[in-house]
């Protein structure tokens, strides 16, 4: 499993500053904007939901990367982190996947690489 210090850095990045040290993978942001299932939810709004989720005391969970296409693209990227955020109108919540892209202990950063309605 992911080192707990990495997960701590993910939470630190999400809570940093006024908006969090959170950026979007551009292709993921485009998918969110084009997804009719997410109508009314923007990448900026999802970033704020993720930040509020953690500030409210919720935790992301670490997952070992097993998807071969992801490992082929980024072989050193062994973990990803997820949040399932309660959102009105989404029976099972909003799924948000992030990667730790800068593990600087003072100023860590995460990148949202996927967001969609949680199916179950």
PDB file of N, CA and C in Angstrom:
ATOM      1  N   UNK A   1       0.845  -1.180   0.000  1.00  0.00           N
ATOM      2  CA  UNK A   1       0.000   0.000   0.000  1.00  0.00           C
ATOM      3  C   UNK A   1       0.886   1.236   0.000  1.00  0.00           C
ATOM      4  N   UNK A   2       0.322   2.345  -0.373  1.00  0.00           N
ATOM      5  CA  UNK A   2       1.056   3.606  -0.436  1.00  0.00           C
ATOM      6  C   UNK A   2       1.565   3.971   0.952  1.00  0.00           C
ATOM      7  N   UNK A   3       2.735   4.553   0.987  1.00  0.00           N
ATOM      8  CA  UNK A   3       3.310   5.079   2.205  1.00  0.00           C
ATOM      9  C   UNK A   3       2.339   6.108   2.786  1.00  0.00           C
ATOM     10  N   UNK A   4       2.080   6.034   4.092  1.00  0.00           N
ATOM     11  CA  UNK A   4       1.121   6.968   4.693  1.00  0.00           C
ATOM     12  C   UNK A   4       1.596   8.413   4.568  1.00  0.00           C
ATOM     13  N   UNK A   5       2.913   8.625   4.461  1.00  0.00           N
ATOM     14  CA  UNK A   5       3.398   9.997   4.302  1.00  0.00           C
ATOM     15  C   UNK A   5       2.982  10.556   2.938  1.00  0.00           C
ATOM     16  N   UNK A   6       2.863   9.696   1.923  1.00  0.00           N
ATOM     17  CA  UNK A   6       2.384  10.153   0.615  1.00  0.00           C
ATOM     18  C   UNK A   6       0.922  10.589   0.713  1.00  0.00           C
ATOM     19  N   UNK A   7       0.112   9.807   1.385  1.00  0.00           N
ATOM     20  CA  UNK A   7      -1.297  10.158   1.564  1.00  0.00           C
ATOM     21  C   UNK A   7      -1.418  11.452   2.373  1.00  0.00           C
ATOM     22  N   UNK A   8      -0.562  11.618   3.364  1.00  0.00           N
ATOM     23  CA  UNK A   8      -0.548  12.873   4.127  1.00  0.00           C
ATOM     24  C   UNK A   8      -0.234  14.051   3.211  1.00  0.00           C
ATOM     25  N   UNK A   9       0.697  13.865   2.266  1.00  0.00           N
ATOM     26  CA  UNK A   9       1.038  14.935   1.325  1.00  0.00           C
ATOM     27  C   UNK A   9      -0.128  15.253   0.404  1.00  0.00           C
ATOM     28  N   UNK A  10      -0.875  14.234   0.007  1.00  0.00           N
ATOM     29  CA  UNK A  10      -2.062  14.453  -0.824  1.00  0.00           C
ATOM     30  C   UNK A  10      -3.048  15.338  -0.074  1.00  0.00           C
ATOM     31  N   UNK A  11      -3.320  15.008   1.169  1.00  0.00           N
ATOM     32  CA  UNK A  11      -4.252  15.810   1.975  1.00  0.00           C
ATOM     33  C   UNK A  11      -3.710  17.221   2.201  1.00  0.00           C
ATOM     34  N   UNK A  12      -2.413  17.335   2.435  1.00  0.00           N
ATOM     35  CA  UNK A  12      -1.798  18.657   2.629  1.00  0.00           C
ATOM     36  C   UNK A  12      -1.948  19.500   1.371  1.00  0.00           C
ATOM     37  N   UNK A  13      -1.727  18.903   0.199  1.00  0.00           N
ATOM     38  CA  UNK A  13      -1.867  19.630  -1.069  1.00  0.00           C
ATOM     39  C   UNK A  13      -3.301  20.102  -1.264  1.00  0.00           C
ATOM     40  N   UNK A  14      -4.262  19.235  -0.997  1.00  0.00           N
ATOM     41  CA  UNK A  14      -5.673  19.575  -1.202  1.00  0.00           C
ATOM     42  C   UNK A  14      -6.081  20.734  -0.288  1.00  0.00           C
ATOM     43  N   UNK A  15      -5.528  20.789   0.918  1.00  0.00           N
ATOM     44  CA  UNK A  15      -5.919  21.808   1.889  1.00  0.00           C
ATOM     45  C   UNK A  15      -5.088  23.086   1.811  1.00  0.00           C
ATOM     46  N   UNK A  16      -4.065  23.117   1.001  1.00  0.00           N
ATOM     47  CA  UNK A  16      -3.134  24.254   0.973  1.00  0.00           C
ATOM     48  C   UNK A  16      -3.801  25.538   0.481  1.00  0.00           C
ATOM     49  N   UNK A  17      -3.330  26.661   1.008  1.00  0.00           N
ATOM     50  CA  UNK A  17      -3.740  27.980   0.521  1.00  0.00           C
ATOM     51  C   UNK A  17      -5.242  28.191   0.517  1.00  0.00           C
ATOM     52  N   UNK A  18      -5.691  29.028  -0.398  1.00  0.00           N
ATOM     53  CA  UNK A  18      -7.110  29.354  -0.506  1.00  0.00           C
ATOM     54  C   UNK A  18      -7.887  28.373  -1.374  1.00  0.00           C
ATOM     55  N   UNK A  19      -7.217  27.773  -2.339  1.00  0.00           N
ATOM     56  CA  UNK A  19      -7.887  26.886  -3.293  1.00  0.00           C
ATOM     57  C   UNK A  19      -7.274  25.496  -3.344  1.00  0.00           C
ATOM     58  N   UNK A  20      -6.226  25.250  -2.569  1.00  0.00           N
ATOM     59  CA  UNK A  20      -5.535  23.979  -2.614  1.00  0.00           C
ATOM     60  C   UNK A  20      -4.485  23.978  -3.709  1.00  0.00           C
ATOM     61  N   UNK A  21      -3.491  23.152  -3.536  1.00  0.00           N
ATOM     62  CA  UNK A  21      -2.471  22.955  -4.567  1.00  0.00           C
ATOM     63  C   UNK A  21      -2.960  21.824  -5.466  1.00  0.00           C
ATOM     64  N   UNK A  22      -4.011  22.132  -6.206  1.00  0.00           N
ATOM     65  CA  UNK A  22      -4.717  21.154  -7.029  1.00  0.00           C
ATOM     66  C   UNK A  22      -4.774  21.689  -8.453  1.00  0.00           C
ATOM     67  N   UNK A  23      -4.308  20.902  -9.384  1.00  0.00           N
ATOM     68  CA  UNK A  23      -4.466  21.258 -10.790  1.00  0.00           C
ATOM     69  C   UNK A  23      -5.234  20.136 -11.476  1.00  0.00           C
ATOM     70  N   UNK A  24      -5.729  20.437 -12.655  1.00  0.00           N
ATOM     71  CA  UNK A  24      -6.451  19.448 -13.462  1.00  0.00           C
ATOM     72  C   UNK A  24      -5.575  18.972 -14.604  1.00  0.00           C
ATOM     73  N   UNK A  25      -5.613  17.699 -14.879  1.00  0.00           N
ATOM     74  CA  UNK A  25      -5.068  17.194 -16.138  1.00  0.00           C
ATOM     75  C   UNK A  25      -5.998  17.743 -17.215  1.00  0.00           C
ATOM     76  N   UNK A  26      -5.454  18.406 -18.195  1.00  0.00           N
ATOM     77  CA  UNK A  26      -6.283  19.113 -19.172  1.00  0.00           C
ATOM     78  C   UNK A  26      -7.278  18.184 -19.863  1.00  0.00           C
ATOM     79  N   UNK A  27      -6.855  16.978 -20.237  1.00  0.00           N
ATOM     80  CA  UNK A  27      -7.778  16.058 -20.912  1.00  0.00           C
ATOM     81  C   UNK A  27      -8.927  15.652 -19.988  1.00  0.00           C
ATOM     82  N   UNK A  28      -8.666  15.529 -18.692  1.00  0.00           N
ATOM     83  CA  UNK A  28      -9.725  15.184 -17.731  1.00  0.00           C
ATOM     84  C   UNK A  28     -10.700  16.353 -17.576  1.00  0.00           C
ATOM     85  N   UNK A  29     -10.186  17.567 -17.544  1.00  0.00           N
ATOM     86  CA  UNK A  29     -11.056  18.747 -17.437  1.00  0.00           C
ATOM     87  C   UNK A  29     -11.960  18.855 -18.666  1.00  0.00           C
ATOM     88  N   UNK A  30     -11.412  18.558 -19.848  1.00  0.00           N
ATOM     89  CA  UNK A  30     -12.234  18.590 -21.069  1.00  0.00           C
ATOM     90  C   UNK A  30     -13.350  17.552 -20.995  1.00  0.00           C
ATOM     91  N   UNK A  31     -13.040  16.362 -20.495  1.00  0.00           N
ATOM     92  CA  UNK A  31     -14.059  15.318 -20.372  1.00  0.00           C
ATOM     93  C   UNK A  31     -15.171  15.739 -19.417  1.00  0.00           C
ATOM     94  N   UNK A  32     -14.813  16.381 -18.317  1.00  0.00           N
ATOM     95  CA  UNK A  32     -15.818  16.852 -17.360  1.00  0.00           C
ATOM     96  C   UNK A  32     -16.733  17.869 -18.034  1.00  0.00           C
ATOM     97  N   UNK A  33     -16.141  18.811 -18.746  1.00  0.00           N
ATOM     98  CA  UNK A  33     -16.945  19.847 -19.411  1.00  0.00           C
ATOM     99  C   UNK A  33     -17.888  19.258 -20.453  1.00  0.00           C
ATOM    100  N   UNK A  34     -17.488  18.146 -21.075  1.00  0.00           N
ATOM    101  CA  UNK A  34     -18.286  17.544 -22.143  1.00  0.00           C
ATOM    102  C   UNK A  34     -19.264  16.479 -21.644  1.00  0.00           C
ATOM    103  N   UNK A  35     -19.177  16.097 -20.373  1.00  0.00           N
ATOM    104  CA  UNK A  35     -19.984  14.998 -19.842  1.00  0.00           C
ATOM    105  C   UNK A  35     -21.375  15.507 -19.447  1.00  0.00           C
ATOM    106  N   UNK A  36     -22.429  15.117 -20.187  1.00  0.00           N
ATOM    107  CA  UNK A  36     -23.774  15.584 -19.842  1.00  0.00           C
ATOM    108  C   UNK A  36     -24.222  15.100 -18.465  1.00  0.00           C
ATOM    109  N   UNK A  37     -23.648  14.010 -18.004  1.00  0.00           N
ATOM    110  CA  UNK A  37     -23.954  13.475 -16.680  1.00  0.00           C
ATOM    111  C   UNK A  37     -23.495  14.422 -15.571  1.00  0.00           C
ATOM    112  N   UNK A  38     -22.524  15.293 -15.893  1.00  0.00           N
ATOM    113  CA  UNK A  38     -21.978  16.223 -14.912  1.00  0.00           C
ATOM    114  C   UNK A  38     -22.460  17.655 -15.135  1.00  0.00           C
ATOM    115  N   UNK A  39     -23.524  17.805 -15.899  1.00  0.00           N
ATOM    116  CA  UNK A  39     -24.048  19.145 -16.185  1.00  0.00           C
ATOM    117  C   UNK A  39     -24.181  19.934 -14.885  1.00  0.00           C
ATOM    118  N   UNK A  40     -23.670  21.141 -14.910  1.00  0.00           N
ATOM    119  CA  UNK A  40     -23.708  21.977 -13.717  1.00  0.00           C
ATOM    120  C   UNK A  40     -22.477  21.843 -12.844  1.00  0.00           C
ATOM    121  N   UNK A  41     -21.616  20.890 -13.138  1.00  0.00           N
ATOM    122  CA  UNK A  41     -20.381  20.699 -12.372  1.00  0.00           C
ATOM    123  C   UNK A  41     -19.197  21.008 -13.279  1.00  0.00           C
ATOM    124  N   UNK A  42     -18.421  21.992 -12.880  1.00  0.00           N
ATOM    125  CA  UNK A  42     -17.249  22.393 -13.645  1.00  0.00           C
ATOM    126  C   UNK A  42     -15.990  21.831 -12.988  1.00  0.00           C
ATOM    127  N   UNK A  43     -14.886  21.813 -13.724  1.00  0.00           N
ATOM    128  CA  UNK A  43     -13.636  21.411 -13.088  1.00  0.00           C
ATOM    129  C   UNK A  43     -13.310  22.278 -11.861  1.00  0.00           C
ATOM    130  N   UNK A  44     -13.551  23.566 -11.961  1.00  0.00           N
ATOM    131  CA  UNK A  44     -13.279  24.467 -10.840  1.00  0.00           C
ATOM    132  C   UNK A  44     -14.164  24.129  -9.632  1.00  0.00           C
ATOM    133  N   UNK A  45     -15.416  23.843  -9.900  1.00  0.00           N
ATOM    134  CA  UNK A  45     -16.330  23.479  -8.828  1.00  0.00           C
ATOM    135  C   UNK A  45     -15.972  22.148  -8.185  1.00  0.00           C
ATOM    136  N   UNK A  46     -15.544  21.203  -9.005  1.00  0.00           N
ATOM    137  CA  UNK A  46     -15.137  19.887  -8.476  1.00  0.00           C
ATOM    138  C   UNK A  46     -13.889  20.040  -7.618  1.00  0.00           C
ATOM    139  N   UNK A  47     -12.958  20.901  -8.042  1.00  0.00           N
ATOM    140  CA  UNK A  47     -11.759  21.165  -7.226  1.00  0.00           C
ATOM    141  C   UNK A  47     -12.179  21.691  -5.852  1.00  0.00           C
ATOM    142  N   UNK A  48     -13.143  22.600  -5.811  1.00  0.00           N
ATOM    143  CA  UNK A  48     -13.612  23.136  -4.536  1.00  0.00           C
ATOM    144  C   UNK A  48     -14.335  22.075  -3.707  1.00  0.00           C
ATOM    145  N   UNK A  49     -15.102  21.207  -4.358  1.00  0.00           N
ATOM    146  CA  UNK A  49     -15.764  20.107  -3.639  1.00  0.00           C
ATOM    147  C   UNK A  49     -14.732  19.173  -3.003  1.00  0.00           C
ATOM    148  N   UNK A  50     -13.658  18.877  -3.739  1.00  0.00           N
ATOM    149  CA  UNK A  50     -12.603  18.012  -3.210  1.00  0.00           C
ATOM    150  C   UNK A  50     -11.952  18.669  -1.996  1.00  0.00           C
ATOM    151  N   UNK A  51     -11.662  19.945  -2.110  1.00  0.00           N
ATOM    152  CA  UNK A  51     -11.042  20.672  -0.994  1.00  0.00           C
ATOM    153  C   UNK A  51     -11.956  20.668   0.231  1.00  0.00           C
ATOM    154  N   UNK A  52     -13.236  20.965   0.042  1.00  0.00           N
ATOM    155  CA  UNK A  52     -14.192  20.967   1.154  1.00  0.00           C
ATOM    156  C   UNK A  52     -14.313  19.575   1.770  1.00  0.00           C
ATOM    157  N   UNK A  53     -14.307  18.539   0.930  1.00  0.00           N
ATOM    158  CA  UNK A  53     -14.373  17.152   1.379  1.00  0.00           C
ATOM    159  C   UNK A  53     -13.267  16.874   2.408  1.00  0.00           C
ATOM    160  N   UNK A  54     -12.046  17.272   2.090  1.00  0.00           N
ATOM    161  CA  UNK A  54     -10.919  17.023   3.003  1.00  0.00           C
ATOM    162  C   UNK A  54     -10.966  17.965   4.201  1.00  0.00           C
ATOM    163  N   UNK A  55     -11.274  19.240   3.973  1.00  0.00           N
ATOM    164  CA  UNK A  55     -11.356  20.180   5.096  1.00  0.00           C
ATOM    165  C   UNK A  55     -12.435  19.774   6.099  1.00  0.00           C
ATOM    166  N   UNK A  56     -13.474  19.075   5.624  1.00  0.00           N
ATOM    167  CA  UNK A  56     -14.537  18.590   6.504  1.00  0.00           C
ATOM    168  C   UNK A  56     -14.141  17.333   7.273  1.00  0.00           C
ATOM    169  N   UNK A  57     -12.903  16.875   7.090  1.00  0.00           N
ATOM    170  CA  UNK A  57     -12.410  15.728   7.852  1.00  0.00           C
ATOM    171  C   UNK A  57     -12.455  14.401   7.123  1.00  0.00           C
ATOM    172  N   UNK A  58     -12.883  14.405   5.875  1.00  0.00           N
ATOM    173  CA  UNK A  58     -12.906  13.166   5.097  1.00  0.00           C
ATOM    174  C   UNK A  58     -11.517  12.891   4.531  1.00  0.00           C
ATOM    175  N   UNK A  59     -11.253  11.630   4.237  1.00  0.00           N
ATOM    176  CA  UNK A  59      -9.944  11.234   3.730  1.00  0.00           C
ATOM    177  C   UNK A  59     -10.067  10.561   2.373  1.00  0.00           C
ATOM    178  N   UNK A  60      -9.083  10.812   1.533  1.00  0.00           N
ATOM    179  CA  UNK A  60      -8.975  10.066   0.290  1.00  0.00           C
ATOM    180  C   UNK A  60      -8.400   8.697   0.628  1.00  0.00           C
ATOM    181  N   UNK A  61      -8.575   7.746  -0.258  1.00  0.00           N
ATOM    182  CA  UNK A  61      -7.979   6.432  -0.068  1.00  0.00           C
ATOM    183  C   UNK A  61      -6.942   6.204  -1.152  1.00  0.00           C
ATOM    184  N   UNK A  62      -5.873   5.503  -0.781  1.00  0.00           N
ATOM    185  CA  UNK A  62      -4.795   5.191  -1.710  1.00  0.00           C
ATOM    186  C   UNK A  62      -5.102   3.869  -2.407  1.00  0.00           C
ATOM    187  N   UNK A  63      -4.793   3.820  -3.688  1.00  0.00           N
ATOM    188  CA  UNK A  63      -4.980   2.610  -4.489  1.00  0.00           C
ATOM    189  C   UNK A  63      -3.696   2.303  -5.240  1.00  0.00           C
ATOM    190  N   UNK A  64      -3.324   1.050  -5.253  1.00  0.00           N
ATOM    191  CA  UNK A  64      -2.166   0.625  -6.049  1.00  0.00           C
ATOM    192  C   UNK A  64      -2.571   0.625  -7.513  1.00  0.00           C
ATOM    193  N   UNK A  65      -1.718   1.197  -8.346  1.00  0.00           N
ATOM    194  CA  UNK A  65      -2.006   1.240  -9.782  1.00  0.00           C
ATOM    195  C   UNK A  65      -1.796  -0.144 -10.385  1.00  0.00           C
ATOM    196  N   UNK A  66      -2.841  -0.702 -10.950  1.00  0.00           N
ATOM    197  CA  UNK A  66      -2.761  -2.009 -11.599  1.00  0.00           C
ATOM    198  C   UNK A  66      -3.175  -1.946 -13.067  1.00  0.00           C
ATOM    199  N   UNK A  67      -3.679  -0.790 -13.498  1.00  0.00           N
ATOM    200  CA  UNK A  67      -4.112  -0.646 -14.885  1.00  0.00           C
ATOM    201  C   UNK A  67      -2.879  -0.589 -15.786  1.00  0.00           C
ATOM    202  N   UNK A  68      -2.769  -1.566 -16.650  1.00  0.00           N
ATOM    203  CA  UNK A  68      -1.570  -1.702 -17.478  1.00  0.00           C
ATOM    204  C   UNK A  68      -1.317  -0.486 -18.366  1.00  0.00           C
ATOM    205  N   UNK A  69      -2.389   0.107 -18.899  1.00  0.00           N
ATOM    206  CA  UNK A  69      -2.199   1.271 -19.767  1.00  0.00           C
ATOM    207  C   UNK A  69      -1.633   2.462 -18.982  1.00  0.00           C
ATOM    208  N   UNK A  70      -1.994   2.588 -17.726  1.00  0.00           N
ATOM    209  CA  UNK A  70      -1.460   3.672 -16.889  1.00  0.00           C
ATOM    210  C   UNK A  70      -0.006   3.398 -16.523  1.00  0.00           C
ATOM    211  N   UNK A  71       0.295   2.147 -16.192  1.00  0.00           N
ATOM    212  CA  UNK A  71       1.671   1.780 -15.859  1.00  0.00           C
ATOM    213  C   UNK A  71       2.589   1.918 -17.062  1.00  0.00           C
ATOM    214  N   UNK A  72       2.060   1.653 -18.253  1.00  0.00           N
ATOM    215  CA  UNK A  72       2.865   1.806 -19.463  1.00  0.00           C
ATOM    216  C   UNK A  72       3.204   3.272 -19.702  1.00  0.00           C
ATOM    217  N   UNK A  73       2.243   4.165 -19.440  1.00  0.00           N
ATOM    218  CA  UNK A  73       2.464   5.602 -19.633  1.00  0.00           C
ATOM    219  C   UNK A  73       3.359   6.204 -18.554  1.00  0.00           C
ATOM    220  N   UNK A  74       3.169   5.762 -17.322  1.00  0.00           N
ATOM    221  CA  UNK A  74       3.906   6.331 -16.187  1.00  0.00           C
ATOM    222  C   UNK A  74       4.349   5.202 -15.256  1.00  0.00           C
ATOM    223  N   UNK A  75       5.437   4.493 -15.616  1.00  0.00           N
ATOM    224  CA  UNK A  75       5.841   3.311 -14.846  1.00  0.00           C
ATOM    225  C   UNK A  75       6.248   3.585 -13.400  1.00  0.00           C
ATOM    226  N   UNK A  76       6.628   4.813 -13.075  1.00  0.00           N
ATOM    227  CA  UNK A  76       7.018   5.133 -11.701  1.00  0.00           C
ATOM    228  C   UNK A  76       5.850   5.602 -10.841  1.00  0.00           C
ATOM    229  N   UNK A  77       4.691   5.743 -11.454  1.00  0.00           N
ATOM    230  CA  UNK A  77       3.505   6.238 -10.764  1.00  0.00           C
ATOM    231  C   UNK A  77       2.713   5.036 -10.241  1.00  0.00           C
ATOM    232  N   UNK A  78       3.057   4.570  -9.046  1.00  0.00           N
ATOM    233  CA  UNK A  78       2.525   3.303  -8.544  1.00  0.00           C
ATOM    234  C   UNK A  78       1.222   3.427  -7.760  1.00  0.00           C
ATOM    235  N   UNK A  79       0.811   4.667  -7.415  1.00  0.00           N
ATOM    236  CA  UNK A  79      -0.396   4.842  -6.617  1.00  0.00           C
ATOM    237  C   UNK A  79      -1.236   5.978  -7.153  1.00  0.00           C
ATOM    238  N   UNK A  80      -2.524   5.893  -6.882  1.00  0.00           N
ATOM    239  CA  UNK A  80      -3.455   6.976  -7.148  1.00  0.00           C
ATOM    240  C   UNK A  80      -4.373   7.061  -5.940  1.00  0.00           C
ATOM    241  N   UNK A  81      -5.099   8.166  -5.838  1.00  0.00           N
ATOM    242  CA  UNK A  81      -5.889   8.445  -4.647  1.00  0.00           C
ATOM    243  C   UNK A  81      -7.300   8.812  -5.078  1.00  0.00           C
ATOM    244  N   UNK A  82      -8.278   8.352  -4.305  1.00  0.00           N
ATOM    245  CA  UNK A  82      -9.661   8.618  -4.714  1.00  0.00           C
ATOM    246  C   UNK A  82     -10.483   9.170  -3.576  1.00  0.00           C
ATOM    247  N   UNK A  83     -11.457   9.953  -3.991  1.00  0.00           N
ATOM    248  CA  UNK A  83     -12.474  10.458  -3.077  1.00  0.00           C
ATOM    249  C   UNK A  83     -13.819  10.160  -3.713  1.00  0.00           C
ATOM    250  N   UNK A  84     -14.774   9.782  -2.900  1.00  0.00           N
ATOM    251  CA  UNK A  84     -16.163   9.660  -3.338  1.00  0.00           C
ATOM    252  C   UNK A  84     -16.924  10.696  -2.508  1.00  0.00           C
ATOM    253  N   UNK A  85     -17.337  11.750  -3.191  1.00  0.00           N
ATOM    254  CA  UNK A  85     -17.906  12.918  -2.528  1.00  0.00           C
ATOM    255  C   UNK A  85     -19.427  12.899  -2.680  1.00  0.00           C
ATOM    256  N   UNK A  86     -20.129  13.062  -1.577  1.00  0.00           N
ATOM    257  CA  UNK A  86     -21.590  13.141  -1.624  1.00  0.00           C
ATOM    258  C   UNK A  86     -21.991  14.414  -2.372  1.00  0.00           C
ATOM    259  N   UNK A  87     -22.805  14.242  -3.401  1.00  0.00           N
ATOM    260  CA  UNK A  87     -23.284  15.359  -4.218  1.00  0.00           C
ATOM    261  C   UNK A  87     -24.775  15.143  -4.457  1.00  0.00           C
ATOM    262  N   UNK A  88     -25.551  16.171  -4.230  1.00  0.00           N
ATOM    263  CA  UNK A  88     -26.997  16.083  -4.446  1.00  0.00           C
ATOM    264  C   UNK A  88     -27.282  15.619  -5.873  1.00  0.00           C
ATOM    265  N   UNK A  89     -28.171  14.659  -5.991  1.00  0.00           N
ATOM    266  CA  UNK A  89     -28.557  14.145  -7.297  1.00  0.00           C
ATOM    267  C   UNK A  89     -27.692  12.996  -7.790  1.00  0.00           C
ATOM    268  N   UNK A  90     -26.604  12.697  -7.091  1.00  0.00           N
ATOM    269  CA  UNK A  90     -25.722  11.581  -7.463  1.00  0.00           C
ATOM    270  C   UNK A  90     -25.883  10.502  -6.389  1.00  0.00           C
ATOM    271  N   UNK A  91     -26.660   9.495  -6.697  1.00  0.00           N
ATOM    272  CA  UNK A  91     -27.002   8.461  -5.717  1.00  0.00           C
ATOM    273  C   UNK A  91     -25.773   7.885  -5.016  1.00  0.00           C
ATOM    274  N   UNK A  92     -24.720   7.624  -5.773  1.00  0.00           N
ATOM    275  CA  UNK A  92     -23.518   7.006  -5.203  1.00  0.00           C
ATOM    276  C   UNK A  92     -22.361   7.990  -5.060  1.00  0.00           C
ATOM    277  N   UNK A  93     -22.604   9.264  -5.303  1.00  0.00           N
ATOM    278  CA  UNK A  93     -21.587  10.288  -5.121  1.00  0.00           C
ATOM    279  C   UNK A  93     -20.810  10.610  -6.388  1.00  0.00           C
ATOM    280  N   UNK A  94     -19.834  11.470  -6.218  1.00  0.00           N
ATOM    281  CA  UNK A  94     -18.943  11.906  -7.287  1.00  0.00           C
ATOM    282  C   UNK A  94     -17.575  11.290  -7.040  1.00  0.00           C
ATOM    283  N   UNK A  95     -17.077  10.550  -8.009  1.00  0.00           N
ATOM    284  CA  UNK A  95     -15.762   9.916  -7.936  1.00  0.00           C
ATOM    285  C   UNK A  95     -14.719  10.904  -8.443  1.00  0.00           C
ATOM    286  N   UNK A  96     -13.663  11.123  -7.658  1.00  0.00           N
ATOM    287  CA  UNK A  96     -12.560  11.983  -8.076  1.00  0.00           C
ATOM    288  C   UNK A  96     -11.263  11.216  -7.856  1.00  0.00           C
ATOM    289  N   UNK A  97     -10.467  11.120  -8.925  1.00  0.00           N
ATOM    290  CA  UNK A  97      -9.165  10.437  -8.877  1.00  0.00           C
ATOM    291  C   UNK A  97      -8.062  11.479  -8.992  1.00  0.00           C
ATOM    292  N   UNK A  98      -7.103  11.410  -8.071  1.00  0.00           N
ATOM    293  CA  UNK A  98      -5.975  12.328  -8.102  1.00  0.00           C
ATOM    294  C   UNK A  98      -4.661  11.562  -8.056  1.00  0.00           C
ATOM    295  N   UNK A  99      -3.629  12.239  -8.548  1.00  0.00           N
ATOM    296  CA  UNK A  99      -2.251  11.744  -8.474  1.00  0.00           C
ATOM    297  C   UNK A  99      -1.433  12.778  -7.733  1.00  0.00           C
ATOM    298  N   UNK A 100      -0.487  12.320  -6.941  1.00  0.00           N
ATOM    299  CA  UNK A 100       0.472  13.209  -6.297  1.00  0.00           C
ATOM    300  C   UNK A 100       1.537  13.514  -7.344  1.00  0.00           C
ATOM    301  N   UNK A 101       1.623  14.768  -7.759  1.00  0.00           N
ATOM    302  CA  UNK A 101       2.567  15.104  -8.837  1.00  0.00           C
ATOM    303  C   UNK A 101       3.809  15.827  -8.332  1.00  0.00           C
ATOM    304  N   UNK A 102       3.766  16.322  -7.099  1.00  0.00           N
ATOM    305  CA  UNK A 102       4.941  16.945  -6.496  1.00  0.00           C
ATOM    306  C   UNK A 102       4.911  16.610  -5.016  1.00  0.00           C
ATOM    307  N   UNK A 103       5.891  15.821  -4.587  1.00  0.00           N
ATOM    308  CA  UNK A 103       5.903  15.371  -3.192  1.00  0.00           C
ATOM    309  C   UNK A 103       6.787  16.240  -2.301  1.00  0.00           C
ATOM    310  N   UNK A 104       6.957  17.510  -2.686  1.00  0.00           N
ATOM    311  CA  UNK A 104       7.689  18.454  -1.846  1.00  0.00           C
ATOM    312  C   UNK A 104       6.991  18.503  -0.486  1.00  0.00           C
ATOM    313  N   UNK A 105       7.712  18.255   0.605  1.00  0.00           N
ATOM    314  CA  UNK A 105       7.062  18.222   1.918  1.00  0.00           C
ATOM    315  C   UNK A 105       6.490  19.572   2.359  1.00  0.00           C
ATOM    316  N   UNK A 106       6.982  20.662   1.799  1.00  0.00           N
ATOM    317  CA  UNK A 106       6.488  21.984   2.163  1.00  0.00           C
ATOM    318  C   UNK A 106       5.342  22.415   1.262  1.00  0.00           C
ATOM    319  N   UNK A 107       5.438  22.117  -0.030  1.00  0.00           N
ATOM    320  CA  UNK A 107       4.458  22.596  -1.008  1.00  0.00           C
ATOM    321  C   UNK A 107       4.096  21.475  -1.992  1.00  0.00           C
ATOM    322  N   UNK A 108       3.393  20.427  -1.520  1.00  0.00           N
ATOM    323  CA  UNK A 108       3.021  19.343  -2.427  1.00  0.00           C
ATOM    324  C   UNK A 108       1.894  19.767  -3.368  1.00  0.00           C
ATOM    325  N   UNK A 109       1.795  19.097  -4.504  1.00  0.00           N
ATOM    326  CA  UNK A 109       0.733  19.356  -5.478  1.00  0.00           C
ATOM    327  C   UNK A 109       0.115  18.038  -5.920  1.00  0.00           C
ATOM    328  N   UNK A 110      -1.195  18.097  -6.193  1.00  0.00           N
ATOM    329  CA  UNK A 110      -1.902  16.959  -6.769  1.00  0.00           C
ATOM    330  C   UNK A 110      -2.532  17.388  -8.083  1.00  0.00           C
ATOM    331  N   UNK A 111      -2.844  16.388  -8.897  1.00  0.00           N
ATOM    332  CA  UNK A 111      -3.527  16.630 -10.162  1.00  0.00           C
ATOM    333  C   UNK A 111      -4.762  15.747 -10.219  1.00  0.00           C
ATOM    334  N   UNK A 112      -5.895  16.358 -10.525  1.00  0.00           N
ATOM    335  CA  UNK A 112      -7.112  15.578 -10.739  1.00  0.00           C
ATOM    336  C   UNK A 112      -7.013  14.981 -12.137  1.00  0.00           C
ATOM    337  N   UNK A 113      -7.091  13.653 -12.211  1.00  0.00           N
ATOM    338  CA  UNK A 113      -6.952  12.973 -13.498  1.00  0.00           C
ATOM    339  C   UNK A 113      -8.258  12.363 -13.982  1.00  0.00           C
ATOM    340  N   UNK A 114      -9.280  12.371 -13.120  1.00  0.00           N
ATOM    341  CA  UNK A 114     -10.582  11.840 -13.516  1.00  0.00           C
ATOM    342  C   UNK A 114     -11.639  12.287 -12.513  1.00  0.00           C
ATOM    343  N   UNK A 115     -12.837  12.530 -13.034  1.00  0.00           N
ATOM    344  CA  UNK A 115     -13.990  12.810 -12.165  1.00  0.00           C
ATOM    345  C   UNK A 115     -15.239  12.408 -12.943  1.00  0.00           C
ATOM    346  N   UNK A 116     -16.120  11.686 -12.277  1.00  0.00           N
ATOM    347  CA  UNK A 116     -17.356  11.260 -12.900  1.00  0.00           C
ATOM    348  C   UNK A 116     -18.329  10.792 -11.827  1.00  0.00           C
ATOM    349  N   UNK A 117     -19.567  10.637 -12.242  1.00  0.00           N
ATOM    350  CA  UNK A 117     -20.589  10.113 -11.335  1.00  0.00           C
ATOM    351  C   UNK A 117     -20.181   8.686 -10.947  1.00  0.00           C
ATOM    352  N   UNK A 118     -20.182   8.415  -9.637  1.00  0.00           N
ATOM    353  CA  UNK A 118     -19.870   7.071  -9.145  1.00  0.00           C
ATOM    354  C   UNK A 118     -21.022   6.161  -9.510  1.00  0.00           C
ATOM    355  N   UNK A 119     -20.736   5.035 -10.106  1.00  0.00           N
ATOM    356  CA  UNK A 119     -21.785   4.135 -10.578  1.00  0.00           C
ATOM    357  C   UNK A 119     -22.369   3.248  -9.486  1.00  0.00           C
ATOM    358  N   UNK A 120     -21.569   2.748  -8.550  1.00  0.00           N
ATOM    359  CA  UNK A 120     -22.087   1.936  -7.458  1.00  0.00           C
ATOM    360  C   UNK A 120     -21.227   2.083  -6.242  1.00  0.00           C
TER     361      UNK A 120
END
